[in-house]
PDB file of N, CA and C in Angstrom:
ATOM      1  N   MET A   1       7.652   7.631   3.464  1.00  0.00           N
ATOM      2  CA  MET A   1       6.289   7.204   3.686  1.00  0.00           C
ATOM      3  C   MET A   1       5.707   8.020   4.840  1.00  0.00           C
ATOM      4  N   ARG A   2       4.448   8.302   4.716  1.00  0.00           N
ATOM      5  CA  ARG A   2       3.780   9.100   5.743  1.00  0.00           C
ATOM      6  C   ARG A   2       3.399   8.222   6.931  1.00  0.00           C
ATOM      7  N   ASP A   3       3.725   8.701   8.124  1.00  0.00           N
ATOM      8  CA  ASP A   3       3.453   7.944   9.344  1.00  0.00           C
ATOM      9  C   ASP A   3       1.966   7.664   9.543  1.00  0.00           C
ATOM     10  N   ASP A   4       1.127   8.650   9.202  1.00  0.00           N
ATOM     11  CA  ASP A   4      -0.304   8.440   9.393  1.00  0.00           C
ATOM     12  C   ASP A   4      -0.831   7.339   8.483  1.00  0.00           C
ATOM     13  N   TYR A   5      -0.299   7.225   7.265  1.00  0.00           N
ATOM     14  CA  TYR A   5      -0.705   6.146   6.361  1.00  0.00           C
ATOM     15  C   TYR A   5      -0.240   4.799   6.887  1.00  0.00           C
ATOM     16  N   ILE A   6       0.967   4.757   7.438  1.00  0.00           N
ATOM     17  CA  ILE A   6       1.492   3.496   7.978  1.00  0.00           C
ATOM     18  C   ILE A   6       0.618   3.023   9.137  1.00  0.00           C
ATOM     19  N   LYS A   7       0.264   3.930  10.035  1.00  0.00           N
ATOM     20  CA  LYS A   7      -0.574   3.557  11.184  1.00  0.00           C
ATOM     21  C   LYS A   7      -1.937   3.052  10.739  1.00  0.00           C
ATOM     22  N   GLU A   8      -2.525   3.701   9.745  1.00  0.00           N
ATOM     23  CA  GLU A   8      -3.826   3.252   9.231  1.00  0.00           C
ATOM     24  C   GLU A   8      -3.712   1.902   8.527  1.00  0.00           C
ATOM     25  N   ALA A   9      -2.656   1.713   7.741  1.00  0.00           N
ATOM     26  CA  ALA A   9      -2.472   0.455   7.014  1.00  0.00           C
ATOM     27  C   ALA A   9      -2.237  -0.705   7.971  1.00  0.00           C
ATOM     28  N   LEU A  10      -1.602  -0.436   9.104  1.00  0.00           N
ATOM     29  CA  LEU A  10      -1.368  -1.492  10.103  1.00  0.00           C
ATOM     30  C   LEU A  10      -2.679  -1.980  10.730  1.00  0.00           C
ATOM     31  N   LYS A  11      -3.741  -1.202  10.630  1.00  0.00           N
ATOM     32  CA  LYS A  11      -5.050  -1.660  11.098  1.00  0.00           C
ATOM     33  C   LYS A  11      -5.605  -2.721  10.153  1.00  0.00           C
ATOM     34  N   THR A  12      -5.238  -2.637   8.876  1.00  0.00           N
ATOM     35  CA  THR A  12      -5.693  -3.607   7.889  1.00  0.00           C
ATOM     36  C   THR A  12      -4.775  -4.825   7.844  1.00  0.00           C
ATOM     37  N   ILE A  13      -3.468  -4.579   7.864  1.00  0.00           N
ATOM     38  CA  ILE A  13      -2.464  -5.645   7.858  1.00  0.00           C
ATOM     39  C   ILE A  13      -1.622  -5.461   9.122  1.00  0.00           C
ATOM     40  N   PRO A  14      -1.996  -6.138  10.206  1.00  0.00           N
ATOM     41  CA  PRO A  14      -1.339  -5.876  11.486  1.00  0.00           C
ATOM     42  C   PRO A  14       0.109  -6.343  11.591  1.00  0.00           C
ATOM     43  N   ASP A  15       0.542  -7.249  10.742  1.00  0.00           N
ATOM     44  CA  ASP A  15       1.925  -7.736  10.780  1.00  0.00           C
ATOM     45  C   ASP A  15       2.815  -6.784   9.980  1.00  0.00           C
ATOM     46  N   PRO A  16       3.739  -6.068  10.630  1.00  0.00           N
ATOM     47  CA  PRO A  16       4.582  -5.096   9.919  1.00  0.00           C
ATOM     48  C   PRO A  16       5.406  -5.705   8.789  1.00  0.00           C
ATOM     49  N   ASN A  17       5.895  -6.923   8.979  1.00  0.00           N
ATOM     50  CA  ASN A  17       6.682  -7.565   7.924  1.00  0.00           C
ATOM     51  C   ASN A  17       5.835  -7.853   6.693  1.00  0.00           C
ATOM     52  N   LEU A  18       4.621  -8.326   6.905  1.00  0.00           N
ATOM     53  CA  LEU A  18       3.711  -8.592   5.794  1.00  0.00           C
ATOM     54  C   LEU A  18       3.330  -7.287   5.101  1.00  0.00           C
ATOM     55  N   LEU A  19       3.103  -6.242   5.889  1.00  0.00           N
ATOM     56  CA  LEU A  19       2.767  -4.934   5.310  1.00  0.00           C
ATOM     57  C   LEU A  19       3.895  -4.448   4.401  1.00  0.00           C
ATOM     58  N   ILE A  20       5.125  -4.573   4.853  1.00  0.00           N
ATOM     59  CA  ILE A  20       6.273  -4.155   4.045  1.00  0.00           C
ATOM     60  C   ILE A  20       6.324  -4.943   2.739  1.00  0.00           C
ATOM     61  N   ASN A  21       6.082  -6.242   2.812  1.00  0.00           N
ATOM     62  CA  ASN A  21       6.113  -7.069   1.606  1.00  0.00           C
ATOM     63  C   ASN A  21       5.018  -6.677   0.617  1.00  0.00           C
ATOM     64  N   VAL A  22       3.819  -6.430   1.124  1.00  0.00           N
ATOM     65  CA  VAL A  22       2.705  -6.043   0.249  1.00  0.00           C
ATOM     66  C   VAL A  22       2.982  -4.689  -0.395  1.00  0.00           C
ATOM     67  N   VAL A  23       3.461  -3.737   0.398  1.00  0.00           N
ATOM     68  CA  VAL A  23       3.763  -2.405  -0.123  1.00  0.00           C
ATOM     69  C   VAL A  23       4.871  -2.470  -1.161  1.00  0.00           C
ATOM     70  N   SER A  24       5.945  -3.211  -0.878  1.00  0.00           N
ATOM     71  CA  SER A  24       7.067  -3.257  -1.824  1.00  0.00           C
ATOM     72  C   SER A  24       6.667  -3.919  -3.140  1.00  0.00           C
ATOM     73  N   ARG A  25       5.843  -4.944  -3.071  1.00  0.00           N
ATOM     74  CA  ARG A  25       5.380  -5.594  -4.309  1.00  0.00           C
ATOM     75  C   ARG A  25       4.527  -4.630  -5.128  1.00  0.00           C
ATOM     76  N   ARG A  26       3.656  -3.885  -4.458  1.00  0.00           N
ATOM     77  CA  ARG A  26       2.794  -2.939  -5.166  1.00  0.00           C
ATOM     78  C   ARG A  26       3.591  -1.770  -5.735  1.00  0.00           C
ATOM     79  N   VAL A  27       4.615  -1.304  -4.997  1.00  0.00           N
ATOM     80  CA  VAL A  27       5.471  -0.218  -5.490  1.00  0.00           C
ATOM     81  C   VAL A  27       6.162  -0.653  -6.784  1.00  0.00           C
ATOM     82  N   LYS A  28       6.640  -1.888  -6.823  1.00  0.00           N
ATOM     83  CA  LYS A  28       7.273  -2.389  -8.053  1.00  0.00           C
ATOM     84  C   LYS A  28       6.290  -2.365  -9.215  1.00  0.00           C
ATOM     85  N   GLN A  29       5.052  -2.762  -8.952  1.00  0.00           N
ATOM     86  CA  GLN A  29       4.032  -2.736 -10.004  1.00  0.00           C
ATOM     87  C   GLN A  29       3.768  -1.315 -10.475  1.00  0.00           C
ATOM     88  N   LEU A  30       3.662  -0.388  -9.544  1.00  0.00           N
ATOM     89  CA  LEU A  30       3.401   1.011  -9.909  1.00  0.00           C
ATOM     90  C   LEU A  30       4.565   1.584 -10.718  1.00  0.00           C
ATOM     91  N   LYS A  31       5.780   1.259 -10.339  1.00  0.00           N
ATOM     92  CA  LYS A  31       6.946   1.790 -11.057  1.00  0.00           C
ATOM     93  C   LYS A  31       7.097   1.177 -12.442  1.00  0.00           C
ATOM     94  N   ARG A  32       6.505  -0.009 -12.639  1.00  0.00           N
ATOM     95  CA  ARG A  32       6.512  -0.629 -13.973  1.00  0.00           C
ATOM     96  C   ARG A  32       5.417  -0.062 -14.871  1.00  0.00           C
ATOM     97  N   GLY A  33       4.559   0.791 -14.297  1.00  0.00           N
ATOM     98  CA  GLY A  33       3.553   1.437 -15.134  1.00  0.00           C
ATOM     99  C   GLY A  33       2.113   1.091 -14.809  1.00  0.00           C
ATOM    100  N   ASN A  34       1.881   0.242 -13.821  1.00  0.00           N
ATOM    101  CA  ASN A  34       0.502  -0.042 -13.439  1.00  0.00           C
ATOM    102  C   ASN A  34      -0.145   1.222 -12.896  1.00  0.00           C
ATOM    103  N   ARG A  35      -1.429   1.353 -13.143  1.00  0.00           N
ATOM    104  CA  ARG A  35      -2.145   2.554 -12.719  1.00  0.00           C
ATOM    105  C   ARG A  35      -2.542   2.451 -11.249  1.00  0.00           C
ATOM    106  N   PRO A  36      -2.480   3.557 -10.526  1.00  0.00           N
ATOM    107  CA  PRO A  36      -2.924   3.559  -9.125  1.00  0.00           C
ATOM    108  C   PRO A  36      -4.412   3.249  -9.029  1.00  0.00           C
ATOM    109  N   LEU A  37      -4.814   2.568  -7.967  1.00  0.00           N
ATOM    110  CA  LEU A  37      -6.210   2.222  -7.739  1.00  0.00           C
ATOM    111  C   LEU A  37      -6.932   3.286  -6.924  1.00  0.00           C
ATOM    112  N   VAL A  38      -6.206   4.314  -6.495  1.00  0.00           N
ATOM    113  CA  VAL A  38      -6.799   5.434  -5.745  1.00  0.00           C
ATOM    114  C   VAL A  38      -6.415   6.732  -6.425  1.00  0.00           C
ATOM    115  N   GLU A  39      -7.263   7.737  -6.252  1.00  0.00           N
ATOM    116  CA  GLU A  39      -6.956   9.052  -6.800  1.00  0.00           C
ATOM    117  C   GLU A  39      -6.594   9.983  -5.654  1.00  0.00           C
ATOM    118  N   SER A  40      -5.725  10.924  -5.945  1.00  0.00           N
ATOM    119  CA  SER A  40      -5.308  11.869  -4.925  1.00  0.00           C
ATOM    120  C   SER A  40      -5.121  13.235  -5.562  1.00  0.00           C
ATOM    121  N   LEU A  41      -5.499  14.256  -4.830  1.00  0.00           N
ATOM    122  CA  LEU A  41      -5.300  15.619  -5.319  1.00  0.00           C
ATOM    123  C   LEU A  41      -3.855  16.065  -5.116  1.00  0.00           C
ATOM    124  N   GLU A  42      -3.169  15.434  -4.179  1.00  0.00           N
ATOM    125  CA  GLU A  42      -1.771  15.775  -3.926  1.00  0.00           C
ATOM    126  C   GLU A  42      -0.854  14.763  -4.608  1.00  0.00           C
ATOM    127  N   LYS A  43       0.375  15.164  -4.822  1.00  0.00           N
ATOM    128  CA  LYS A  43       1.364  14.272  -5.442  1.00  0.00           C
ATOM    129  C   LYS A  43       1.908  13.335  -4.367  1.00  0.00           C
ATOM    130  N   LEU A  44       1.610  12.042  -4.507  1.00  0.00           N
ATOM    131  CA  LEU A  44       2.059  11.047  -3.538  1.00  0.00           C
ATOM    132  C   LEU A  44       3.169  10.193  -4.127  1.00  0.00           C
ATOM    133  N   SER A  45       4.041   9.703  -3.257  1.00  0.00           N
ATOM    134  CA  SER A  45       5.075   8.760  -3.694  1.00  0.00           C
ATOM    135  C   SER A  45       4.407   7.412  -3.969  1.00  0.00           C
ATOM    136  N   SER A  46       5.108   6.539  -4.649  1.00  0.00           N
ATOM    137  CA  SER A  46       4.581   5.197  -4.935  1.00  0.00           C
ATOM    138  C   SER A  46       4.274   4.456  -3.645  1.00  0.00           C
ATOM    139  N   GLU A  47       5.108   4.638  -2.626  1.00  0.00           N
ATOM    140  CA  GLU A  47       4.889   3.975  -1.338  1.00  0.00           C
ATOM    141  C   GLU A  47       3.601   4.463  -0.691  1.00  0.00           C
ATOM    142  N   ASP A  48       3.363   5.766  -0.734  1.00  0.00           N
ATOM    143  CA  ASP A  48       2.151   6.312  -0.135  1.00  0.00           C
ATOM    144  C   ASP A  48       0.908   5.884  -0.911  1.00  0.00           C
ATOM    145  N   ILE A  49       1.018   5.782  -2.220  1.00  0.00           N
ATOM    146  CA  ILE A  49      -0.106   5.297  -3.030  1.00  0.00           C
ATOM    147  C   ILE A  49      -0.431   3.869  -2.632  1.00  0.00           C
ATOM    148  N   ALA A  50       0.588   3.020  -2.487  1.00  0.00           N
ATOM    149  CA  ALA A  50       0.368   1.625  -2.091  1.00  0.00           C
ATOM    150  C   ALA A  50      -0.296   1.556  -0.716  1.00  0.00           C
ATOM    151  N   LEU A  51       0.158   2.380   0.213  1.00  0.00           N
ATOM    152  CA  LEU A  51      -0.454   2.394   1.548  1.00  0.00           C
ATOM    153  C   LEU A  51      -1.901   2.843   1.485  1.00  0.00           C
ATOM    154  N   ARG A  52      -2.201   3.867   0.692  1.00  0.00           N
ATOM    155  CA  ARG A  52      -3.592   4.334   0.538  1.00  0.00           C
ATOM    156  C   ARG A  52      -4.463   3.233  -0.055  1.00  0.00           C
ATOM    157  N   GLU A  53      -3.921   2.491  -1.021  1.00  0.00           N
ATOM    158  CA  GLU A  53      -4.680   1.390  -1.622  1.00  0.00           C
ATOM    159  C   GLU A  53      -5.009   0.331  -0.575  1.00  0.00           C
ATOM    160  N   ILE A  54      -4.069   0.044   0.313  1.00  0.00           N
ATOM    161  CA  ILE A  54      -4.311  -0.925   1.387  1.00  0.00           C
ATOM    162  C   ILE A  54      -5.369  -0.382   2.345  1.00  0.00           C
ATOM    163  N   ILE A  55      -5.229   0.871   2.745  1.00  0.00           N
ATOM    164  CA  ILE A  55      -6.166   1.488   3.687  1.00  0.00           C
ATOM    165  C   ILE A  55      -7.589   1.465   3.133  1.00  0.00           C
ATOM    166  N   GLU A  56      -7.730   1.742   1.842  1.00  0.00           N
ATOM    167  CA  GLU A  56      -9.057   1.815   1.227  1.00  0.00           C
ATOM    168  C   GLU A  56      -9.580   0.453   0.775  1.00  0.00           C
ATOM    169  N   GLY A  57      -8.816  -0.615   1.042  1.00  0.00           N
ATOM    170  CA  GLY A  57      -9.285  -1.963   0.717  1.00  0.00           C
ATOM    171  C   GLY A  57      -9.210  -2.307  -0.760  1.00  0.00           C
ATOM    172  N   LYS A  58      -8.385  -1.595  -1.503  1.00  0.00           N
ATOM    173  CA  LYS A  58      -8.251  -1.843  -2.944  1.00  0.00           C
ATOM    174  C   LYS A  58      -7.300  -3.008  -3.240  1.00  0.00           C
ATOM    175  N   ILE A  59      -6.473  -3.375  -2.253  1.00  0.00           N
ATOM    176  CA  ILE A  59      -5.508  -4.456  -2.436  1.00  0.00           C
ATOM    177  C   ILE A  59      -5.835  -5.558  -1.447  1.00  0.00           C
ATOM    178  N   SER A  60      -5.876  -6.786  -1.942  1.00  0.00           N
ATOM    179  CA  SER A  60      -6.070  -7.924  -1.060  1.00  0.00           C
ATOM    180  C   SER A  60      -4.787  -8.752  -1.045  1.00  0.00           C
ATOM    181  N   PHE A  61      -4.665  -9.595  -0.046  1.00  0.00           N
ATOM    182  CA  PHE A  61      -3.481 -10.429   0.068  1.00  0.00           C
ATOM    183  C   PHE A  61      -3.864 -11.747   0.702  1.00  0.00           C
ATOM    184  N   GLU A  62      -3.057 -12.753   0.474  1.00  0.00           N
ATOM    185  CA  GLU A  62      -3.275 -14.066   1.077  1.00  0.00           C
ATOM    186  C   GLU A  62      -2.007 -14.523   1.746  1.00  0.00           C
ATOM    187  N   THR A  63      -2.151 -15.236   2.845  1.00  0.00           N
ATOM    188  CA  THR A  63      -0.978 -15.819   3.497  1.00  0.00           C
ATOM    189  C   THR A  63      -1.080 -17.330   3.368  1.00  0.00           C
ATOM    190  N   ALA A  64       0.039 -17.972   3.127  1.00  0.00           N
ATOM    191  CA  ALA A  64       0.078 -19.428   3.049  1.00  0.00           C
ATOM    192  C   ALA A  64       0.269 -19.963   4.465  1.00  0.00           C
ATOM    193  N   GLU A  65      -0.698 -20.744   4.902  1.00  0.00           N
ATOM    194  CA  GLU A  65      -0.612 -21.287   6.256  1.00  0.00           C
ATOM    195  C   GLU A  65      -0.597 -22.775   6.239  1.00  0.00           C
TER     196      GLU A  65
END
């Protein structure tokens, strides 16, 4: 995973544990064949695609409180 994407994604999801959970769930979806919600000119890993989706606000999440 790219460090710059992680730092940007932490601005959206400040809890690192929650960020890891959101990214891992999305990576599983992408590997099962779901289409990426962002386009990129470069070849990105599934993890980087998930981070870009979080950074661009394409993925939402809820916490049970």
